[in-house]
């Protein structure tokens, strides 16, 4: 319990570190566990280009500008992707430094 107070952590964390030390050694206990999970890229360059093209176009009638969700929905409507989240749209646009707000298109 004194170790928990000094390190400001829970007893369960201490138990996991001790177990990792016994099972895998000092380096594993002191290091951060690396993940072996490989993430597939959801959007290729062609799809990125299509998304940017839509984002730079006029928004649908009734909307002043594109939202991330509107862009995601349009990508699915046009059959560019089977599905895409607004968060993936945000990530792609952030990589290109493209802003959805501010200046008018045209």
C-alpha atoms as a PDB file:
ATOM      1  CA  UNK A   1       0.000   0.000   0.000  1.00  0.00           C
ATOM      2  CA  UNK A   2       2.910   2.360   0.648  1.00  0.00           C
ATOM      3  CA  UNK A   3       4.142   1.784  -2.908  1.00  0.00           C
ATOM      4  CA  UNK A   4       0.677   2.677  -4.223  1.00  0.00           C
ATOM      5  CA  UNK A   5       0.695   5.948  -2.290  1.00  0.00           C
ATOM      6  CA  UNK A   6       4.208   6.899  -3.382  1.00  0.00           C
ATOM      7  CA  UNK A   7       3.550   6.105  -7.053  1.00  0.00           C
ATOM      8  CA  UNK A   8      -0.040   7.374  -6.907  1.00  0.00           C
ATOM      9  CA  UNK A   9      -1.361   4.231  -8.537  1.00  0.00           C
ATOM     10  CA  UNK A  10      -3.676   1.378  -7.685  1.00  0.00           C
ATOM     11  CA  UNK A  11      -2.808  -1.985  -6.201  1.00  0.00           C
ATOM     12  CA  UNK A  12      -4.015  -3.730  -9.362  1.00  0.00           C
ATOM     13  CA  UNK A  13      -1.404  -1.852 -11.419  1.00  0.00           C
ATOM     14  CA  UNK A  14       1.327  -2.932  -9.006  1.00  0.00           C
ATOM     15  CA  UNK A  15       0.129  -6.542  -9.286  1.00  0.00           C
ATOM     16  CA  UNK A  16       0.197  -6.417 -13.106  1.00  0.00           C
ATOM     17  CA  UNK A  17       3.740  -5.003 -13.154  1.00  0.00           C
ATOM     18  CA  UNK A  18       4.926  -7.680 -10.727  1.00  0.00           C
ATOM     19  CA  UNK A  19       3.328 -10.399 -12.834  1.00  0.00           C
ATOM     20  CA  UNK A  20       4.865  -9.002 -16.037  1.00  0.00           C
ATOM     21  CA  UNK A  21       8.276  -8.937 -14.308  1.00  0.00           C
ATOM     22  CA  UNK A  22       7.973 -12.593 -13.280  1.00  0.00           C
ATOM     23  CA  UNK A  23       6.659 -13.758 -16.662  1.00  0.00           C
ATOM     24  CA  UNK A  24       8.617 -11.579 -19.109  1.00  0.00           C
ATOM     25  CA  UNK A  25      11.518  -9.989 -17.241  1.00  0.00           C
ATOM     26  CA  UNK A  26      12.623  -6.525 -16.164  1.00  0.00           C
ATOM     27  CA  UNK A  27      12.533  -4.856 -19.591  1.00  0.00           C
ATOM     28  CA  UNK A  28       8.911  -5.862 -20.138  1.00  0.00           C
ATOM     29  CA  UNK A  29       7.922  -4.746 -16.635  1.00  0.00           C
ATOM     30  CA  UNK A  30       9.504  -1.307 -17.060  1.00  0.00           C
ATOM     31  CA  UNK A  31       8.463  -0.740 -20.662  1.00  0.00           C
ATOM     32  CA  UNK A  32       5.173  -0.025 -22.291  1.00  0.00           C
ATOM     33  CA  UNK A  33       3.551  -3.078 -23.778  1.00  0.00           C
ATOM     34  CA  UNK A  34       3.730  -2.830 -27.532  1.00  0.00           C
ATOM     35  CA  UNK A  35       0.748  -3.759 -29.593  1.00  0.00           C
ATOM     36  CA  UNK A  36       0.972  -6.210 -32.433  1.00  0.00           C
ATOM     37  CA  UNK A  37      -2.252  -4.952 -33.965  1.00  0.00           C
ATOM     38  CA  UNK A  38      -1.922  -3.626 -37.489  1.00  0.00           C
ATOM     39  CA  UNK A  39      -4.459  -1.059 -38.616  1.00  0.00           C
ATOM     40  CA  UNK A  40      -5.639  -1.150 -42.204  1.00  0.00           C
ATOM     41  CA  UNK A  41      -5.720   2.157 -44.011  1.00  0.00           C
ATOM     42  CA  UNK A  42      -9.390   3.013 -44.484  1.00  0.00           C
ATOM     43  CA  UNK A  43      -8.944   5.669 -47.144  1.00  0.00           C
ATOM     44  CA  UNK A  44      -6.572   5.412 -50.102  1.00  0.00           C
ATOM     45  CA  UNK A  45      -5.170   8.358 -52.078  1.00  0.00           C
ATOM     46  CA  UNK A  46      -7.920   8.228 -54.700  1.00  0.00           C
ATOM     47  CA  UNK A  47     -10.633   8.320 -52.040  1.00  0.00           C
ATOM     48  CA  UNK A  48      -8.837  11.180 -50.272  1.00  0.00           C
ATOM     49  CA  UNK A  49      -8.818  13.150 -53.519  1.00  0.00           C
ATOM     50  CA  UNK A  50     -12.544  12.555 -53.989  1.00  0.00           C
ATOM     51  CA  UNK A  51     -13.251  13.644 -50.416  1.00  0.00           C
ATOM     52  CA  UNK A  52     -11.232  16.834 -50.845  1.00  0.00           C
ATOM     53  CA  UNK A  53     -13.012  17.529 -54.123  1.00  0.00           C
ATOM     54  CA  UNK A  54     -16.391  17.251 -52.411  1.00  0.00           C
ATOM     55  CA  UNK A  55     -15.239  19.383 -49.469  1.00  0.00           C
ATOM     56  CA  UNK A  56     -14.161  22.140 -51.879  1.00  0.00           C
ATOM     57  CA  UNK A  57     -17.485  22.081 -53.735  1.00  0.00           C
ATOM     58  CA  UNK A  58     -20.680  23.921 -52.856  1.00  0.00           C
ATOM     59  CA  UNK A  59     -22.502  22.402 -49.871  1.00  0.00           C
ATOM     60  CA  UNK A  60     -25.979  20.929 -50.356  1.00  0.00           C
ATOM     61  CA  UNK A  61     -28.941  23.296 -50.520  1.00  0.00           C
ATOM     62  CA  UNK A  62     -30.012  24.404 -47.085  1.00  0.00           C
ATOM     63  CA  UNK A  63     -26.490  24.219 -45.648  1.00  0.00           C
ATOM     64  CA  UNK A  64     -24.017  27.070 -45.359  1.00  0.00           C
ATOM     65  CA  UNK A  65     -20.991  24.781 -45.364  1.00  0.00           C
ATOM     66  CA  UNK A  66     -20.015  21.139 -45.337  1.00  0.00           C
ATOM     67  CA  UNK A  67     -19.991  19.344 -42.001  1.00  0.00           C
ATOM     68  CA  UNK A  68     -17.916  16.241 -41.397  1.00  0.00           C
ATOM     69  CA  UNK A  69     -21.074  14.134 -41.211  1.00  0.00           C
ATOM     70  CA  UNK A  70     -22.441  15.610 -44.452  1.00  0.00           C
ATOM     71  CA  UNK A  71     -19.169  14.799 -46.199  1.00  0.00           C
ATOM     72  CA  UNK A  72     -19.207  11.241 -44.847  1.00  0.00           C
ATOM     73  CA  UNK A  73     -22.805  10.766 -45.984  1.00  0.00           C
ATOM     74  CA  UNK A  74     -22.033  12.140 -49.463  1.00  0.00           C
ATOM     75  CA  UNK A  75     -19.060   9.791 -49.861  1.00  0.00           C
ATOM     76  CA  UNK A  76     -21.377   6.844 -49.155  1.00  0.00           C
ATOM     77  CA  UNK A  77     -24.153   8.227 -51.410  1.00  0.00           C
ATOM     78  CA  UNK A  78     -21.723   8.477 -54.322  1.00  0.00           C
ATOM     79  CA  UNK A  79     -20.497   4.906 -53.648  1.00  0.00           C
ATOM     80  CA  UNK A  80     -16.907   6.053 -53.140  1.00  0.00           C
ATOM     81  CA  UNK A  81     -16.831   4.017 -49.911  1.00  0.00           C
ATOM     82  CA  UNK A  82     -19.096   1.454 -48.257  1.00  0.00           C
ATOM     83  CA  UNK A  83     -18.990   3.381 -45.012  1.00  0.00           C
ATOM     84  CA  UNK A  84     -16.859   6.103 -43.459  1.00  0.00           C
ATOM     85  CA  UNK A  85     -17.051   7.861 -40.122  1.00  0.00           C
ATOM     86  CA  UNK A  86     -17.010  11.598 -39.653  1.00  0.00           C
ATOM     87  CA  UNK A  87     -13.845  11.075 -37.592  1.00  0.00           C
ATOM     88  CA  UNK A  88     -12.065   9.496 -40.564  1.00  0.00           C
ATOM     89  CA  UNK A  89     -13.193  12.448 -42.691  1.00  0.00           C
ATOM     90  CA  UNK A  90     -11.753  14.801 -40.056  1.00  0.00           C
ATOM     91  CA  UNK A  91      -8.433  12.960 -40.042  1.00  0.00           C
ATOM     92  CA  UNK A  92      -8.115  13.107 -43.836  1.00  0.00           C
ATOM     93  CA  UNK A  93      -8.962  16.806 -43.977  1.00  0.00           C
ATOM     94  CA  UNK A  94      -6.606  17.578 -41.098  1.00  0.00           C
ATOM     95  CA  UNK A  95      -3.725  15.949 -42.993  1.00  0.00           C
ATOM     96  CA  UNK A  96      -4.352  18.326 -45.888  1.00  0.00           C
ATOM     97  CA  UNK A  97      -4.836  21.423 -43.684  1.00  0.00           C
ATOM     98  CA  UNK A  98      -8.235  21.919 -45.317  1.00  0.00           C
ATOM     99  CA  UNK A  99     -10.680  23.941 -43.237  1.00  0.00           C
ATOM    100  CA  UNK A 100     -14.439  23.581 -43.606  1.00  0.00           C
ATOM    101  CA  UNK A 101     -15.107  27.012 -42.147  1.00  0.00           C
ATOM    102  CA  UNK A 102     -14.023  30.499 -42.986  1.00  0.00           C
ATOM    103  CA  UNK A 103     -13.887  31.529 -46.620  1.00  0.00           C
ATOM    104  CA  UNK A 104     -16.550  30.958 -49.240  1.00  0.00           C
ATOM    105  CA  UNK A 105     -16.006  28.560 -52.119  1.00  0.00           C
ATOM    106  CA  UNK A 106     -15.755  30.052 -55.565  1.00  0.00           C
END
